């Protein structure tokens, strides 16, 4: 049923109202499971290690920031272009780094 509701919608645009559903009383409420999701299995039961994975990801990003200096990229590599496949992938995923 959810696929029929969201069919034809442009999922690439920010549209916060797509997470609002009407209750039987007619009141609109937020529903996080309105759209299909691939992250952490995407189901109502979710992934049991979700909090651990999120914490580990924050630790890795913090260690990268504390141990590396992110330098300016040449103009040819400064792009925000992406390709839509199963997941969104950057066309030029480059970083210029220096160890601290």
PDB file of N, CA and C in Angstrom:
ATOM      1  N   UNK A   1       0.817  -1.195   0.000  1.00  0.00           N
ATOM      2  CA  UNK A   1       0.000   0.000   0.000  1.00  0.00           C
ATOM      3  C   UNK A   1       0.858   1.256   0.000  1.00  0.00           C
ATOM      4  N   UNK A   2       1.969   1.249   0.759  1.00  0.00           N
ATOM      5  CA  UNK A   2       2.825   2.431   0.824  1.00  0.00           C
ATOM      6  C   UNK A   2       3.441   2.749  -0.526  1.00  0.00           C
ATOM      7  N   UNK A   3       3.773   1.689  -1.318  1.00  0.00           N
ATOM      8  CA  UNK A   3       4.357   1.938  -2.630  1.00  0.00           C
ATOM      9  C   UNK A   3       3.362   2.649  -3.535  1.00  0.00           C
ATOM     10  N   UNK A   4       2.072   2.313  -3.418  1.00  0.00           N
ATOM     11  CA  UNK A   4       1.053   2.971  -4.230  1.00  0.00           C
ATOM     12  C   UNK A   4       0.896   4.427  -3.821  1.00  0.00           C
ATOM     13  N   UNK A   5       1.015   4.705  -2.524  1.00  0.00           N
ATOM     14  CA  UNK A   5       0.882   6.082  -2.033  1.00  0.00           C
ATOM     15  C   UNK A   5       2.008   6.951  -2.576  1.00  0.00           C
ATOM     16  N   UNK A   6       3.246   6.419  -2.591  1.00  0.00           N
ATOM     17  CA  UNK A   6       4.406   7.210  -2.962  1.00  0.00           C
ATOM     18  C   UNK A   6       4.787   7.079  -4.434  1.00  0.00           C
ATOM     19  N   UNK A   7       4.049   6.279  -5.193  1.00  0.00           N
ATOM     20  CA  UNK A   7       4.347   6.122  -6.611  1.00  0.00           C
ATOM     21  C   UNK A   7       4.176   7.459  -7.319  1.00  0.00           C
ATOM     22  N   UNK A   8       5.118   7.790  -8.167  1.00  0.00           N
ATOM     23  CA  UNK A   8       5.045   9.026  -8.921  1.00  0.00           C
ATOM     24  C   UNK A   8       5.574  10.235  -8.185  1.00  0.00           C
ATOM     25  N   UNK A   9       5.893  10.105  -6.910  1.00  0.00           N
ATOM     26  CA  UNK A   9       6.459  11.237  -6.175  1.00  0.00           C
ATOM     27  C   UNK A   9       7.949  11.323  -6.462  1.00  0.00           C
ATOM     28  N   UNK A  10       8.447  12.530  -6.503  1.00  0.00           N
ATOM     29  CA  UNK A  10       9.878  12.742  -6.697  1.00  0.00           C
ATOM     30  C   UNK A  10      10.554  12.620  -5.334  1.00  0.00           C
ATOM     31  N   UNK A  11      11.204  11.489  -5.084  1.00  0.00           N
ATOM     32  CA  UNK A  11      11.842  11.261  -3.794  1.00  0.00           C
ATOM     33  C   UNK A  11      13.137  12.057  -3.641  1.00  0.00           C
ATOM     34  N   UNK A  12      13.589  12.717  -4.699  1.00  0.00           N
ATOM     35  CA  UNK A  12      14.811  13.511  -4.632  1.00  0.00           C
ATOM     36  C   UNK A  12      14.601  14.914  -4.085  1.00  0.00           C
ATOM     37  N   UNK A  13      13.365  15.335  -3.906  1.00  0.00           N
ATOM     38  CA  UNK A  13      13.098  16.665  -3.373  1.00  0.00           C
ATOM     39  C   UNK A  13      12.704  16.576  -1.905  1.00  0.00           C
ATOM     40  N   UNK A  14      12.992  17.630  -1.171  1.00  0.00           N
ATOM     41  CA  UNK A  14      12.635  17.678   0.243  1.00  0.00           C
ATOM     42  C   UNK A  14      11.171  18.047   0.353  1.00  0.00           C
ATOM     43  N   UNK A  15      10.379  17.116   0.823  1.00  0.00           N
ATOM     44  CA  UNK A  15       8.941  17.318   0.958  1.00  0.00           C
ATOM     45  C   UNK A  15       8.515  16.729   2.307  1.00  0.00           C
ATOM     46  N   UNK A  16       8.607  17.502   3.389  1.00  0.00           N
ATOM     47  CA  UNK A  16       8.328  16.960   4.714  1.00  0.00           C
ATOM     48  C   UNK A  16       6.912  16.435   4.903  1.00  0.00           C
ATOM     49  N   UNK A  17       5.971  16.892   4.121  1.00  0.00           N
ATOM     50  CA  UNK A  17       4.580  16.440   4.284  1.00  0.00           C
ATOM     51  C   UNK A  17       4.403  14.979   3.895  1.00  0.00           C
ATOM     52  N   UNK A  18       5.357  14.382   3.202  1.00  0.00           N
ATOM     53  CA  UNK A  18       5.190  12.984   2.798  1.00  0.00           C
ATOM     54  C   UNK A  18       5.254  12.031   3.985  1.00  0.00           C
ATOM     55  N   UNK A  19       5.714  12.505   5.138  1.00  0.00           N
ATOM     56  CA  UNK A  19       5.748  11.670   6.343  1.00  0.00           C
ATOM     57  C   UNK A  19       4.524  11.900   7.231  1.00  0.00           C
ATOM     58  N   UNK A  20       3.579  12.691   6.757  1.00  0.00           N
ATOM     59  CA  UNK A  20       2.357  12.927   7.520  1.00  0.00           C
ATOM     60  C   UNK A  20       1.256  12.020   7.004  1.00  0.00           C
ATOM     61  N   UNK A  21       0.572  11.365   7.918  1.00  0.00           N
ATOM     62  CA  UNK A  21      -0.564  10.519   7.553  1.00  0.00           C
ATOM     63  C   UNK A  21      -1.772  10.959   8.372  1.00  0.00           C
ATOM     64  N   UNK A  22      -2.955  10.729   7.830  1.00  0.00           N
ATOM     65  CA  UNK A  22      -4.174  11.134   8.528  1.00  0.00           C
ATOM     66  C   UNK A  22      -4.668   9.996   9.409  1.00  0.00           C
ATOM     67  N   UNK A  23      -4.976  10.347  10.640  1.00  0.00           N
ATOM     68  CA  UNK A  23      -5.598   9.390  11.550  1.00  0.00           C
ATOM     69  C   UNK A  23      -7.082   9.285  11.206  1.00  0.00           C
ATOM     70  N   UNK A  24      -7.774   8.369  11.863  1.00  0.00           N
ATOM     71  CA  UNK A  24      -9.211   8.224  11.620  1.00  0.00           C
ATOM     72  C   UNK A  24      -9.974   9.468  12.054  1.00  0.00           C
ATOM     73  N   UNK A  25      -9.370  10.242  12.976  1.00  0.00           N
ATOM     74  CA  UNK A  25     -10.016  11.483  13.417  1.00  0.00           C
ATOM     75  C   UNK A  25      -9.810  12.627  12.427  1.00  0.00           C
ATOM     76  N   UNK A  26      -8.953  12.412  11.431  1.00  0.00           N
ATOM     77  CA  UNK A  26      -8.669  13.457  10.454  1.00  0.00           C
ATOM     78  C   UNK A  26      -7.429  14.272  10.787  1.00  0.00           C
ATOM     79  N   UNK A  27      -6.843  14.037  11.953  1.00  0.00           N
ATOM     80  CA  UNK A  27      -5.645  14.761  12.369  1.00  0.00           C
ATOM     81  C   UNK A  27      -4.415  14.189  11.674  1.00  0.00           C
ATOM     82  N   UNK A  28      -3.519  15.044  11.201  1.00  0.00           N
ATOM     83  CA  UNK A  28      -2.285  14.596  10.565  1.00  0.00           C
ATOM     84  C   UNK A  28      -1.221  14.351  11.632  1.00  0.00           C
ATOM     85  N   UNK A  29      -0.541  13.200  11.542  1.00  0.00           N
ATOM     86  CA  UNK A  29       0.525  12.850  12.480  1.00  0.00           C
ATOM     87  C   UNK A  29       1.728  12.334  11.707  1.00  0.00           C
ATOM     88  N   UNK A  30       2.906  12.435  12.318  1.00  0.00           N
ATOM     89  CA  UNK A  30       4.149  11.964  11.726  1.00  0.00           C
ATOM     90  C   UNK A  30       4.209  10.441  11.775  1.00  0.00           C
ATOM     91  N   UNK A  31       4.636   9.819  10.656  1.00  0.00           N
ATOM     92  CA  UNK A  31       4.841   8.377  10.591  1.00  0.00           C
ATOM     93  C   UNK A  31       6.173   8.130   9.911  1.00  0.00           C
ATOM     94  N   UNK A  32       7.186   7.666  10.668  1.00  0.00           N
ATOM     95  CA  UNK A  32       8.531   7.458  10.133  1.00  0.00           C
ATOM     96  C   UNK A  32       8.584   6.329   9.122  1.00  0.00           C
ATOM     97  N   UNK A  33       7.590   5.442   9.114  1.00  0.00           N
ATOM     98  CA  UNK A  33       7.600   4.290   8.213  1.00  0.00           C
ATOM     99  C   UNK A  33       6.761   4.513   6.957  1.00  0.00           C
ATOM    100  N   UNK A  34       6.464   5.757   6.650  1.00  0.00           N
ATOM    101  CA  UNK A  34       5.642   6.061   5.477  1.00  0.00           C
ATOM    102  C   UNK A  34       6.366   5.743   4.179  1.00  0.00           C
ATOM    103  N   UNK A  35       7.662   6.033   4.107  1.00  0.00           N
ATOM    104  CA  UNK A  35       8.436   5.799   2.890  1.00  0.00           C
ATOM    105  C   UNK A  35       9.290   4.558   3.035  1.00  0.00           C
ATOM    106  N   UNK A  36       9.576   3.870   1.927  1.00  0.00           N
ATOM    107  CA  UNK A  36      10.477   2.728   1.994  1.00  0.00           C
ATOM    108  C   UNK A  36      11.881   3.183   2.367  1.00  0.00           C
ATOM    109  N   UNK A  37      12.589   2.357   3.100  1.00  0.00           N
ATOM    110  CA  UNK A  37      13.925   2.712   3.563  1.00  0.00           C
ATOM    111  C   UNK A  37      14.821   1.489   3.511  1.00  0.00           C
ATOM    112  N   UNK A  38      16.085   1.685   3.107  1.00  0.00           N
ATOM    113  CA  UNK A  38      17.032   0.573   3.067  1.00  0.00           C
ATOM    114  C   UNK A  38      17.959   0.570   4.274  1.00  0.00           C
ATOM    115  N   UNK A  39      17.990   1.643   5.027  1.00  0.00           N
ATOM    116  CA  UNK A  39      18.934   1.722   6.139  1.00  0.00           C
ATOM    117  C   UNK A  39      18.515   0.817   7.283  1.00  0.00           C
ATOM    118  N   UNK A  40      19.447   0.083   7.809  1.00  0.00           N
ATOM    119  CA  UNK A  40      19.220  -0.801   8.954  1.00  0.00           C
ATOM    120  C   UNK A  40      18.042  -1.743   8.724  1.00  0.00           C
ATOM    121  N   UNK A  41      17.943  -2.307   7.550  1.00  0.00           N
ATOM    122  CA  UNK A  41      16.914  -3.282   7.199  1.00  0.00           C
ATOM    123  C   UNK A  41      15.574  -2.630   6.889  1.00  0.00           C
ATOM    124  N   UNK A  42      15.348  -1.393   7.283  1.00  0.00           N
ATOM    125  CA  UNK A  42      14.177  -0.642   6.887  1.00  0.00           C
ATOM    126  C   UNK A  42      12.830  -1.142   7.365  1.00  0.00           C
ATOM    127  N   UNK A  43      12.777  -2.126   8.214  1.00  0.00           N
ATOM    128  CA  UNK A  43      11.471  -2.613   8.666  1.00  0.00           C
ATOM    129  C   UNK A  43      11.129  -2.034  10.032  1.00  0.00           C
ATOM    130  N   UNK A  44       9.926  -2.321  10.482  1.00  0.00           N
ATOM    131  CA  UNK A  44       9.495  -1.841  11.795  1.00  0.00           C
ATOM    132  C   UNK A  44      10.333  -2.465  12.903  1.00  0.00           C
ATOM    133  N   UNK A  45      10.783  -3.699  12.711  1.00  0.00           N
ATOM    134  CA  UNK A  45      11.570  -4.378  13.735  1.00  0.00           C
ATOM    135  C   UNK A  45      12.991  -3.837  13.776  1.00  0.00           C
ATOM    136  N   UNK A  46      13.442  -3.307  12.666  1.00  0.00           N
ATOM    137  CA  UNK A  46      14.736  -2.648  12.562  1.00  0.00           C
ATOM    138  C   UNK A  46      15.899  -3.607  12.797  1.00  0.00           C
ATOM    139  N   UNK A  47      17.068  -3.052  12.889  1.00  0.00           N
ATOM    140  CA  UNK A  47      18.310  -3.792  13.055  1.00  0.00           C
ATOM    141  C   UNK A  47      18.698  -3.724  14.519  1.00  0.00           C
ATOM    142  N   UNK A  48      18.990  -4.870  15.115  1.00  0.00           N
ATOM    143  CA  UNK A  48      19.239  -4.903  16.556  1.00  0.00           C
ATOM    144  C   UNK A  48      20.498  -4.145  16.966  1.00  0.00           C
ATOM    145  N   UNK A  49      21.480  -4.020  16.088  1.00  0.00           N
ATOM    146  CA  UNK A  49      22.715  -3.327  16.426  1.00  0.00           C
ATOM    147  C   UNK A  49      22.761  -1.896  15.945  1.00  0.00           C
ATOM    148  N   UNK A  50      21.614  -1.323  15.687  1.00  0.00           N
ATOM    149  CA  UNK A  50      21.546   0.024  15.110  1.00  0.00           C
ATOM    150  C   UNK A  50      22.270   1.067  15.961  1.00  0.00           C
ATOM    151  N   UNK A  51      22.053   1.064  17.258  1.00  0.00           N
ATOM    152  CA  UNK A  51      22.694   2.060  18.123  1.00  0.00           C
ATOM    153  C   UNK A  51      24.199   1.865  18.156  1.00  0.00           C
ATOM    154  N   UNK A  52      24.651   0.611  18.174  1.00  0.00           N
ATOM    155  CA  UNK A  52      26.083   0.331  18.172  1.00  0.00           C
ATOM    156  C   UNK A  52      26.734   0.803  16.882  1.00  0.00           C
ATOM    157  N   UNK A  53      26.093   0.536  15.752  1.00  0.00           N
ATOM    158  CA  UNK A  53      26.629   0.955  14.457  1.00  0.00           C
ATOM    159  C   UNK A  53      26.696   2.475  14.378  1.00  0.00           C
ATOM    160  N   UNK A  54      25.669   3.151  14.844  1.00  0.00           N
ATOM    161  CA  UNK A  54      25.666   4.618  14.823  1.00  0.00           C
ATOM    162  C   UNK A  54      26.790   5.184  15.690  1.00  0.00           C
ATOM    163  N   UNK A  55      26.999   4.592  16.870  1.00  0.00           N
ATOM    164  CA  UNK A  55      28.058   5.056  17.755  1.00  0.00           C
ATOM    165  C   UNK A  55      29.434   4.805  17.126  1.00  0.00           C
ATOM    166  N   UNK A  56      29.640   3.625  16.529  1.00  0.00           N
ATOM    167  CA  UNK A  56      30.914   3.325  15.882  1.00  0.00           C
ATOM    168  C   UNK A  56      31.183   4.280  14.721  1.00  0.00           C
ATOM    169  N   UNK A  57      30.156   4.621  13.963  1.00  0.00           N
ATOM    170  CA  UNK A  57      30.318   5.553  12.852  1.00  0.00           C
ATOM    171  C   UNK A  57      30.749   6.931  13.360  1.00  0.00           C
ATOM    172  N   UNK A  58      30.136   7.400  14.438  1.00  0.00           N
ATOM    173  CA  UNK A  58      30.527   8.694  15.016  1.00  0.00           C
ATOM    174  C   UNK A  58      31.975   8.653  15.506  1.00  0.00           C
ATOM    175  N   UNK A  59      32.400   7.533  16.080  1.00  0.00           N
ATOM    176  CA  UNK A  59      33.783   7.397  16.546  1.00  0.00           C
ATOM    177  C   UNK A  59      34.754   7.462  15.373  1.00  0.00           C
ATOM    178  N   UNK A  60      34.450   6.759  14.292  1.00  0.00           N
ATOM    179  CA  UNK A  60      35.330   6.758  13.114  1.00  0.00           C
ATOM    180  C   UNK A  60      35.438   8.157  12.526  1.00  0.00           C
ATOM    181  N   UNK A  61      34.324   8.859  12.379  1.00  0.00           N
ATOM    182  CA  UNK A  61      34.351  10.220  11.830  1.00  0.00           C
ATOM    183  C   UNK A  61      35.159  11.144  12.742  1.00  0.00           C
ATOM    184  N   UNK A  62      34.987  11.016  14.051  1.00  0.00           N
ATOM    185  CA  UNK A  62      35.742  11.837  15.000  1.00  0.00           C
ATOM    186  C   UNK A  62      37.230  11.560  14.889  1.00  0.00           C
ATOM    187  N   UNK A  63      37.630  10.297  14.784  1.00  0.00           N
ATOM    188  CA  UNK A  63      39.051   9.957  14.643  1.00  0.00           C
ATOM    189  C   UNK A  63      39.631  10.504  13.348  1.00  0.00           C
ATOM    190  N   UNK A  64      38.853  10.466  12.269  1.00  0.00           N
ATOM    191  CA  UNK A  64      39.321  11.038  11.001  1.00  0.00           C
ATOM    192  C   UNK A  64      39.566  12.537  11.148  1.00  0.00           C
ATOM    193  N   UNK A  65      38.641  13.230  11.785  1.00  0.00           N
ATOM    194  CA  UNK A  65      38.766  14.680  11.942  1.00  0.00           C
ATOM    195  C   UNK A  65      39.940  15.032  12.841  1.00  0.00           C
ATOM    196  N   UNK A  66      40.179  14.247  13.892  1.00  0.00           N
ATOM    197  CA  UNK A  66      41.251  14.548  14.834  1.00  0.00           C
ATOM    198  C   UNK A  66      42.632  14.177  14.309  1.00  0.00           C
ATOM    199  N   UNK A  67      42.721  13.223  13.373  1.00  0.00           N
ATOM    200  CA  UNK A  67      44.024  12.741  12.921  1.00  0.00           C
ATOM    201  C   UNK A  67      44.408  13.176  11.518  1.00  0.00           C
ATOM    202  N   UNK A  68      43.496  13.776  10.780  1.00  0.00           N
ATOM    203  CA  UNK A  68      43.782  14.163   9.402  1.00  0.00           C
ATOM    204  C   UNK A  68      43.395  15.615   9.164  1.00  0.00           C
ATOM    205  N   UNK A  69      44.143  16.251   8.282  1.00  0.00           N
ATOM    206  CA  UNK A  69      43.781  17.592   7.828  1.00  0.00           C
ATOM    207  C   UNK A  69      43.214  17.448   6.421  1.00  0.00           C
ATOM    208  N   UNK A  70      42.023  17.962   6.225  1.00  0.00           N
ATOM    209  CA  UNK A  70      41.366  17.888   4.923  1.00  0.00           C
ATOM    210  C   UNK A  70      41.750  19.134   4.129  1.00  0.00           C
ATOM    211  N   UNK A  71      42.496  18.923   3.039  1.00  0.00           N
ATOM    212  CA  UNK A  71      43.017  20.020   2.235  1.00  0.00           C
ATOM    213  C   UNK A  71      42.084  20.351   1.077  1.00  0.00           C
ATOM    214  N   UNK A  72      42.291  21.523   0.504  1.00  0.00           N
ATOM    215  CA  UNK A  72      41.510  21.999  -0.638  1.00  0.00           C
ATOM    216  C   UNK A  72      41.763  21.093  -1.847  1.00  0.00           C
ATOM    217  N   UNK A  73      40.701  20.753  -2.565  1.00  0.00           N
ATOM    218  CA  UNK A  73      40.807  19.930  -3.769  1.00  0.00           C
ATOM    219  C   UNK A  73      41.019  20.814  -4.994  1.00  0.00           C
ATOM    220  N   UNK A  74      41.672  20.286  -6.045  1.00  0.00           N
ATOM    221  CA  UNK A  74      41.745  21.018  -7.300  1.00  0.00           C
ATOM    222  C   UNK A  74      40.335  21.219  -7.863  1.00  0.00           C
ATOM    223  N   UNK A  75      40.152  22.244  -8.673  1.00  0.00           N
ATOM    224  CA  UNK A  75      38.829  22.599  -9.204  1.00  0.00           C
ATOM    225  C   UNK A  75      38.166  21.446  -9.958  1.00  0.00           C
ATOM    226  N   UNK A  76      38.962  20.605 -10.661  1.00  0.00           N
ATOM    227  CA  UNK A  76      38.393  19.489 -11.426  1.00  0.00           C
ATOM    228  C   UNK A  76      37.674  18.476 -10.541  1.00  0.00           C
ATOM    229  N   UNK A  77      38.067  18.387  -9.283  1.00  0.00           N
ATOM    230  CA  UNK A  77      37.502  17.384  -8.381  1.00  0.00           C
ATOM    231  C   UNK A  77      36.438  17.948  -7.443  1.00  0.00           C
ATOM    232  N   UNK A  78      36.211  19.242  -7.492  1.00  0.00           N
ATOM    233  CA  UNK A  78      35.179  19.869  -6.647  1.00  0.00           C
ATOM    234  C   UNK A  78      33.841  19.770  -7.359  1.00  0.00           C
ATOM    235  N   UNK A  79      33.127  18.714  -7.079  1.00  0.00           N
ATOM    236  CA  UNK A  79      31.821  18.530  -7.695  1.00  0.00           C
ATOM    237  C   UNK A  79      30.898  17.816  -6.716  1.00  0.00           C
ATOM    238  N   UNK A  80      29.631  18.136  -6.810  1.00  0.00           N
ATOM    239  CA  UNK A  80      28.628  17.483  -5.967  1.00  0.00           C
ATOM    240  C   UNK A  80      27.759  16.549  -6.813  1.00  0.00           C
ATOM    241  N   UNK A  81      28.207  16.224  -8.027  1.00  0.00           N
ATOM    242  CA  UNK A  81      27.430  15.350  -8.910  1.00  0.00           C
ATOM    243  C   UNK A  81      27.397  13.933  -8.355  1.00  0.00           C
ATOM    244  N   UNK A  82      26.241  13.295  -8.471  1.00  0.00           N
ATOM    245  CA  UNK A  82      26.079  11.935  -7.991  1.00  0.00           C
ATOM    246  C   UNK A  82      25.399  11.085  -9.055  1.00  0.00           C
ATOM    247  N   UNK A  83      25.538   9.771  -8.913  1.00  0.00           N
ATOM    248  CA  UNK A  83      24.838   8.813  -9.768  1.00  0.00           C
ATOM    249  C   UNK A  83      23.853   8.041  -8.914  1.00  0.00           C
ATOM    250  N   UNK A  84      22.642   7.889  -9.419  1.00  0.00           N
ATOM    251  CA  UNK A  84      21.620   7.136  -8.705  1.00  0.00           C
ATOM    252  C   UNK A  84      21.680   5.680  -9.162  1.00  0.00           C
ATOM    253  N   UNK A  85      22.029   4.805  -8.247  1.00  0.00           N
ATOM    254  CA  UNK A  85      22.021   3.359  -8.501  1.00  0.00           C
ATOM    255  C   UNK A  85      21.176   2.761  -7.394  1.00  0.00           C
ATOM    256  N   UNK A  86      21.609   1.696  -6.773  1.00  0.00           N
ATOM    257  CA  UNK A  86      20.879   1.213  -5.599  1.00  0.00           C
ATOM    258  C   UNK A  86      21.006   2.252  -4.501  1.00  0.00           C
ATOM    259  N   UNK A  87      22.204   2.798  -4.343  1.00  0.00           N
ATOM    260  CA  UNK A  87      22.455   3.884  -3.418  1.00  0.00           C
ATOM    261  C   UNK A  87      22.989   5.065  -4.207  1.00  0.00           C
ATOM    262  N   UNK A  88      22.916   6.237  -3.646  1.00  0.00           N
ATOM    263  CA  UNK A  88      23.464   7.424  -4.285  1.00  0.00           C
ATOM    264  C   UNK A  88      24.977   7.387  -4.138  1.00  0.00           C
ATOM    265  N   UNK A  89      25.707   7.508  -5.258  1.00  0.00           N
ATOM    266  CA  UNK A  89      27.162   7.443  -5.241  1.00  0.00           C
ATOM    267  C   UNK A  89      27.737   8.699  -5.865  1.00  0.00           C
ATOM    268  N   UNK A  90      28.737   9.322  -5.223  1.00  0.00           N
ATOM    269  CA  UNK A  90      29.359  10.501  -5.814  1.00  0.00           C
ATOM    270  C   UNK A  90      30.136  10.123  -7.071  1.00  0.00           C
ATOM    271  N   UNK A  91      30.111  11.006  -8.078  1.00  0.00           N
ATOM    272  CA  UNK A  91      30.844  10.739  -9.315  1.00  0.00           C
ATOM    273  C   UNK A  91      32.352  10.840  -9.112  1.00  0.00           C
ATOM    274  N   UNK A  92      32.789  11.777  -8.282  1.00  0.00           N
ATOM    275  CA  UNK A  92      34.228  11.952  -8.008  1.00  0.00           C
ATOM    276  C   UNK A  92      34.453  11.971  -6.496  1.00  0.00           C
ATOM    277  N   UNK A  93      34.571  10.781  -5.885  1.00  0.00           N
ATOM    278  CA  UNK A  93      34.728  10.730  -4.421  1.00  0.00           C
ATOM    279  C   UNK A  93      36.187  10.864  -4.003  1.00  0.00           C
ATOM    280  N   UNK A  94      36.713  12.070  -4.034  1.00  0.00           N
ATOM    281  CA  UNK A  94      38.116  12.285  -3.702  1.00  0.00           C
ATOM    282  C   UNK A  94      38.253  13.166  -2.465  1.00  0.00           C
ATOM    283  N   UNK A  95      39.326  12.915  -1.747  1.00  0.00           N
ATOM    284  CA  UNK A  95      39.681  13.762  -0.615  1.00  0.00           C
ATOM    285  C   UNK A  95      41.204  13.924  -0.637  1.00  0.00           C
ATOM    286  N   UNK A  96      41.655  15.088  -0.324  1.00  0.00           N
ATOM    287  CA  UNK A  96      43.089  15.358  -0.243  1.00  0.00           C
ATOM    288  C   UNK A  96      43.404  15.528   1.234  1.00  0.00           C
ATOM    289  N   UNK A  97      44.252  14.638   1.754  1.00  0.00           N
ATOM    290  CA  UNK A  97      44.487  14.569   3.184  1.00  0.00           C
ATOM    291  C   UNK A  97      45.956  14.758   3.531  1.00  0.00           C
ATOM    292  N   UNK A  98      46.180  15.202   4.757  1.00  0.00           N
ATOM    293  CA  UNK A  98      47.546  15.258   5.319  1.00  0.00           C
ATOM    294  C   UNK A  98      47.434  14.775   6.758  1.00  0.00           C
ATOM    295  N   UNK A  99      48.354  13.907   7.131  1.00  0.00           N
ATOM    296  CA  UNK A  99      48.361  13.386   8.491  1.00  0.00           C
ATOM    297  C   UNK A  99      48.830  14.475   9.461  1.00  0.00           C
ATOM    298  N   UNK A 100      48.206  14.541  10.608  1.00  0.00           N
ATOM    299  CA  UNK A 100      48.595  15.531  11.616  1.00  0.00           C
ATOM    300  C   UNK A 100      49.650  14.978  12.543  1.00  0.00           C
TER     301      UNK A 100
END
